[in-house]
């Protein structure tokens, strides 16, 4: 009995140490994937800056967005890094509510997006890893650093992750100049965007206000996972607001919401404030 009790105490102690150290397999995978993509996604744009003529073939609303947000004259980026802290996050309409930290990277040359969620459930670490690279997308959730709660992949997830990348493309205007993306002007304040990559296609509509700030992106190309694991295509919106000029002279939204537009309600499952936006460049510099 004494040996069993001692063994149990050692087991609990080891578990507590494991849960409290900073290392985790999911975070390590995220960091390794970021390092690989930083090498693989270098653009040949060293010291090049955005010029108005770069965007002259794009819809007027996008031209005005780029100019009014302060990108003209700034360096062309190879990737975007965006950070959120203390985001209100709901895991489905009937799922638990979490407070999460969220960090993401969007790469330009080859459409890629990696995002990491850091949170806890009942005091136990919960981590999420959303990814889109090489034409494959997925969403993985891990509790206690080792127990996988879900690991969603497949064609529907590929498309959902690709359209999420498209929704955030205006935050890194180098993306707007790539061959894999195209635009159609719908009105003075609406632009349809389409992305084609690895035989996948997704599209959505950007809406701008009178200051030519992008205030929303809506799409029908994103599926939500049901409680039985099925995928259902529901209209989805990304809502941006509260634009401010950051230290680099560029104007960004500081509030971002992700919304499922169900027929009976608009369900906001991600409601956060953007803490920081930085860029990486082909010469290895960042800001």
Foldseek 3Di string as FASTA:
>chain_A
DVVVVVVVVVVVVVLVVLQPDPDFPVVVVLVVVVVVCLVVQADPFVPNADALVLCPPPDPLLSLLCVLQPRGPPGQFQKKKWWFFQKFFADDPPGDTWGWIKIKMAGARAGKIWMKIWTADPNWTKIKIWIADPLWTWIWIDTSRPRTPDIDTDDLRSQQVSVVSVFCCSVRVSNVSDPQKDWDDPDNFKIKMWGADPNDIFIWMFGADPSSHTAKTKGQSHWDADPVRDTDGFIKMKGFDDWDQDPVRGIGGQWIWIWGDDPVHIHTRITTGTDDMKGAHSVGDID
